[in-house]
N, C-alpha and C. Protein backbone atom coordinates (compact mmCIF):
# COMPACT_ATOMS: atom_id res chain seq x y z
N UNK A 1 48.18 -14.88 -34.35
CA UNK A 1 48.39 -13.46 -34.40
C UNK A 1 47.25 -12.79 -33.63
N UNK A 2 47.58 -12.16 -32.55
CA UNK A 2 46.54 -11.53 -31.72
C UNK A 2 45.98 -10.26 -32.36
N UNK A 3 44.79 -9.90 -31.95
CA UNK A 3 44.16 -8.64 -32.37
C UNK A 3 44.09 -8.50 -33.89
N UNK A 4 43.60 -9.52 -34.55
CA UNK A 4 43.50 -9.47 -36.01
C UNK A 4 42.29 -8.65 -36.43
N UNK A 5 42.46 -7.90 -37.50
CA UNK A 5 41.34 -7.19 -38.11
C UNK A 5 41.40 -7.43 -39.61
N UNK A 6 40.27 -7.37 -40.25
CA UNK A 6 40.20 -7.53 -41.70
C UNK A 6 40.44 -6.17 -42.35
N UNK A 7 41.24 -6.14 -43.41
CA UNK A 7 41.45 -4.94 -44.20
C UNK A 7 41.30 -5.29 -45.66
N UNK A 8 41.03 -4.29 -46.47
CA UNK A 8 40.91 -4.51 -47.91
C UNK A 8 42.20 -4.02 -48.58
N UNK A 9 42.77 -4.89 -49.41
CA UNK A 9 43.97 -4.54 -50.17
C UNK A 9 43.69 -4.87 -51.63
N UNK A 10 43.82 -3.90 -52.51
CA UNK A 10 43.58 -4.19 -53.93
C UNK A 10 44.64 -5.14 -54.49
N UNK A 11 44.18 -6.19 -55.16
CA UNK A 11 45.08 -7.14 -55.84
C UNK A 11 44.48 -7.47 -57.20
N UNK A 12 45.31 -8.05 -58.05
CA UNK A 12 44.82 -8.47 -59.37
C UNK A 12 43.75 -9.54 -59.19
N UNK A 13 42.82 -9.58 -60.12
CA UNK A 13 41.69 -10.50 -60.04
C UNK A 13 42.13 -11.95 -59.90
N UNK A 14 43.15 -12.36 -60.66
CA UNK A 14 43.58 -13.75 -60.60
C UNK A 14 44.15 -14.10 -59.22
N UNK A 15 44.71 -13.12 -58.52
CA UNK A 15 45.23 -13.36 -57.18
C UNK A 15 44.11 -13.38 -56.14
N UNK A 16 43.09 -12.60 -56.37
CA UNK A 16 41.98 -12.54 -55.43
C UNK A 16 41.35 -13.91 -55.23
N UNK A 17 41.28 -14.69 -56.28
CA UNK A 17 40.69 -16.03 -56.17
C UNK A 17 41.47 -16.89 -55.19
N UNK A 18 42.78 -16.73 -55.16
CA UNK A 18 43.61 -17.51 -54.24
C UNK A 18 43.41 -17.07 -52.79
N UNK A 19 42.97 -15.84 -52.60
CA UNK A 19 42.79 -15.32 -51.24
C UNK A 19 41.43 -15.67 -50.64
N UNK A 20 40.64 -16.41 -51.37
CA UNK A 20 39.37 -16.85 -50.80
C UNK A 20 39.59 -17.89 -49.70
N UNK A 21 40.70 -18.58 -49.77
CA UNK A 21 41.04 -19.61 -48.78
C UNK A 21 41.53 -18.95 -47.49
N UNK A 22 40.89 -19.28 -46.36
CA UNK A 22 41.23 -18.66 -45.07
C UNK A 22 42.68 -18.92 -44.68
N UNK A 23 43.16 -20.14 -44.86
CA UNK A 23 44.55 -20.46 -44.50
C UNK A 23 45.52 -19.60 -45.31
N UNK A 24 45.22 -19.43 -46.58
CA UNK A 24 46.08 -18.61 -47.45
C UNK A 24 46.08 -17.15 -47.00
N UNK A 25 44.91 -16.62 -46.66
CA UNK A 25 44.84 -15.24 -46.18
C UNK A 25 45.60 -15.06 -44.87
N UNK A 26 45.48 -16.03 -43.97
CA UNK A 26 46.19 -15.93 -42.70
C UNK A 26 47.71 -15.98 -42.91
N UNK A 27 48.16 -16.83 -43.81
CA UNK A 27 49.59 -16.93 -44.09
C UNK A 27 50.10 -15.62 -44.68
N UNK A 28 49.35 -15.05 -45.60
CA UNK A 28 49.75 -13.78 -46.20
C UNK A 28 49.70 -12.66 -45.16
N UNK A 29 48.75 -12.72 -44.27
CA UNK A 29 48.68 -11.74 -43.19
C UNK A 29 49.92 -11.79 -42.31
N UNK A 30 50.40 -13.00 -42.00
CA UNK A 30 51.62 -13.13 -41.19
C UNK A 30 52.82 -12.56 -41.92
N UNK A 31 52.90 -12.84 -43.21
CA UNK A 31 54.02 -12.30 -44.01
C UNK A 31 53.96 -10.78 -44.03
N UNK A 32 52.79 -10.24 -44.27
CA UNK A 32 52.63 -8.79 -44.32
C UNK A 32 52.97 -8.15 -42.97
N UNK A 33 52.54 -8.78 -41.89
CA UNK A 33 52.85 -8.26 -40.55
C UNK A 33 54.36 -8.22 -40.32
N UNK A 34 55.04 -9.28 -40.74
CA UNK A 34 56.51 -9.32 -40.57
C UNK A 34 57.21 -8.29 -41.44
N UNK A 35 56.64 -8.03 -42.62
CA UNK A 35 57.25 -7.03 -43.50
C UNK A 35 57.10 -5.63 -42.92
N UNK A 36 55.95 -5.35 -42.34
CA UNK A 36 55.67 -4.01 -41.83
C UNK A 36 56.27 -3.76 -40.45
N UNK A 37 56.44 -4.82 -39.67
CA UNK A 37 57.01 -4.70 -38.34
C UNK A 37 57.91 -5.90 -38.10
N UNK A 38 59.11 -5.88 -38.70
CA UNK A 38 59.99 -7.04 -38.61
C UNK A 38 60.45 -7.33 -37.19
N UNK A 39 60.65 -8.59 -36.95
CA UNK A 39 61.17 -9.07 -35.67
C UNK A 39 62.65 -8.71 -35.58
N UNK A 40 63.07 -8.16 -34.46
CA UNK A 40 64.47 -7.76 -34.29
C UNK A 40 65.41 -8.94 -34.47
N UNK A 41 65.00 -10.14 -34.04
CA UNK A 41 65.85 -11.32 -34.19
C UNK A 41 66.08 -11.66 -35.65
N UNK A 42 65.07 -11.51 -36.47
CA UNK A 42 65.20 -11.78 -37.90
C UNK A 42 66.16 -10.76 -38.51
N UNK A 43 66.04 -9.49 -38.10
CA UNK A 43 66.95 -8.47 -38.61
C UNK A 43 68.39 -8.80 -38.27
N UNK A 44 68.63 -9.26 -37.05
CA UNK A 44 69.99 -9.61 -36.65
C UNK A 44 70.50 -10.81 -37.45
N UNK A 45 69.64 -11.77 -37.68
CA UNK A 45 70.02 -12.94 -38.47
C UNK A 45 70.38 -12.52 -39.90
N UNK A 46 69.55 -11.69 -40.50
CA UNK A 46 69.81 -11.24 -41.86
C UNK A 46 71.11 -10.42 -41.92
N UNK A 47 71.36 -9.61 -40.92
CA UNK A 47 72.60 -8.83 -40.87
C UNK A 47 73.81 -9.77 -40.77
N UNK A 48 73.69 -10.81 -39.96
CA UNK A 48 74.79 -11.78 -39.82
C UNK A 48 75.03 -12.51 -41.14
N UNK A 49 73.97 -12.89 -41.82
CA UNK A 49 74.10 -13.56 -43.11
C UNK A 49 74.78 -12.64 -44.12
N UNK A 50 74.39 -11.37 -44.13
CA UNK A 50 75.02 -10.42 -45.05
C UNK A 50 76.50 -10.24 -44.74
N UNK A 51 76.87 -10.20 -43.45
CA UNK A 51 78.29 -10.10 -43.08
C UNK A 51 79.06 -11.32 -43.55
N UNK A 52 78.50 -12.50 -43.34
CA UNK A 52 79.15 -13.73 -43.79
C UNK A 52 79.32 -13.74 -45.30
N UNK A 53 78.30 -13.30 -46.00
CA UNK A 53 78.36 -13.27 -47.46
C UNK A 53 79.44 -12.29 -47.92
N UNK A 54 79.50 -11.13 -47.30
CA UNK A 54 80.52 -10.14 -47.66
C UNK A 54 81.92 -10.67 -47.40
N UNK A 55 82.10 -11.31 -46.24
CA UNK A 55 83.41 -11.90 -45.92
C UNK A 55 83.79 -12.97 -46.93
N UNK A 56 82.85 -13.81 -47.28
CA UNK A 56 83.12 -14.89 -48.24
C UNK A 56 83.48 -14.31 -49.61
N UNK A 57 82.75 -13.29 -50.03
CA UNK A 57 83.04 -12.67 -51.32
C UNK A 57 84.42 -12.00 -51.30
N UNK A 58 84.78 -11.38 -50.19
CA UNK A 58 86.09 -10.74 -50.07
C UNK A 58 87.21 -11.77 -50.18
N UNK A 59 86.92 -13.01 -49.83
CA UNK A 59 87.92 -14.08 -49.90
C UNK A 59 87.84 -14.86 -51.20
N UNK A 60 87.02 -14.38 -52.14
CA UNK A 60 86.97 -14.99 -53.46
C UNK A 60 85.87 -16.01 -53.67
N UNK A 61 84.98 -16.18 -52.71
CA UNK A 61 83.89 -17.14 -52.89
C UNK A 61 82.78 -16.47 -53.69
N UNK A 62 82.59 -16.93 -54.91
CA UNK A 62 81.56 -16.37 -55.77
C UNK A 62 80.28 -17.20 -55.66
N UNK A 63 79.19 -16.64 -56.13
CA UNK A 63 77.93 -17.40 -56.13
C UNK A 63 78.07 -18.65 -56.99
N UNK A 64 78.78 -18.54 -58.10
CA UNK A 64 78.96 -19.70 -58.99
C UNK A 64 79.74 -20.81 -58.28
N UNK A 65 80.79 -20.44 -57.57
CA UNK A 65 81.59 -21.43 -56.84
C UNK A 65 80.76 -22.07 -55.73
N UNK A 66 79.99 -21.26 -55.04
CA UNK A 66 79.13 -21.79 -53.99
C UNK A 66 78.10 -22.76 -54.58
N UNK A 67 77.52 -22.42 -55.72
CA UNK A 67 76.57 -23.31 -56.38
C UNK A 67 77.22 -24.63 -56.75
N UNK A 68 78.45 -24.57 -57.26
CA UNK A 68 79.18 -25.80 -57.60
C UNK A 68 79.39 -26.67 -56.37
N UNK A 69 79.78 -26.04 -55.27
CA UNK A 69 80.02 -26.78 -54.03
C UNK A 69 78.73 -27.42 -53.52
N UNK A 70 77.64 -26.67 -53.58
CA UNK A 70 76.35 -27.21 -53.13
C UNK A 70 75.90 -28.36 -54.02
N UNK A 71 76.09 -28.21 -55.33
CA UNK A 71 75.72 -29.28 -56.26
C UNK A 71 76.54 -30.55 -55.97
N UNK A 72 77.84 -30.38 -55.73
CA UNK A 72 78.70 -31.53 -55.43
C UNK A 72 78.27 -32.19 -54.12
N UNK A 73 77.98 -31.38 -53.13
CA UNK A 73 77.53 -31.90 -51.83
C UNK A 73 76.24 -32.69 -51.99
N UNK A 74 75.29 -32.12 -52.71
CA UNK A 74 73.99 -32.79 -52.90
C UNK A 74 74.16 -34.08 -53.70
N UNK A 75 75.01 -34.07 -54.72
CA UNK A 75 75.26 -35.27 -55.52
C UNK A 75 75.88 -36.37 -54.65
N UNK A 76 76.78 -35.96 -53.79
CA UNK A 76 77.44 -36.93 -52.90
C UNK A 76 76.44 -37.54 -51.93
N UNK A 77 75.54 -36.74 -51.41
CA UNK A 77 74.53 -37.24 -50.47
C UNK A 77 73.55 -38.19 -51.13
N UNK A 78 73.28 -37.98 -52.42
CA UNK A 78 72.32 -38.83 -53.15
C UNK A 78 72.94 -40.16 -53.56
N UNK A 79 74.26 -40.24 -53.57
CA UNK A 79 74.93 -41.48 -54.00
C UNK A 79 74.85 -42.56 -52.96
């Protein structure tokens, strides 16, 4: 991530301890950057996923049915 600067963000004390690790802070910084200025490609992907989900729900595919199908698929792969 180019042009990085340090900022102070208030967090709970128990979380602050986890942020002492540089790798953890950098990872959270990337997440925060994406939240504040999302990538247009990610937005398009999320929009496509939402359209697919809406279409599937309109055709009767419920979350429960999808979970059953995924469980069956995973069980089959493990056999």
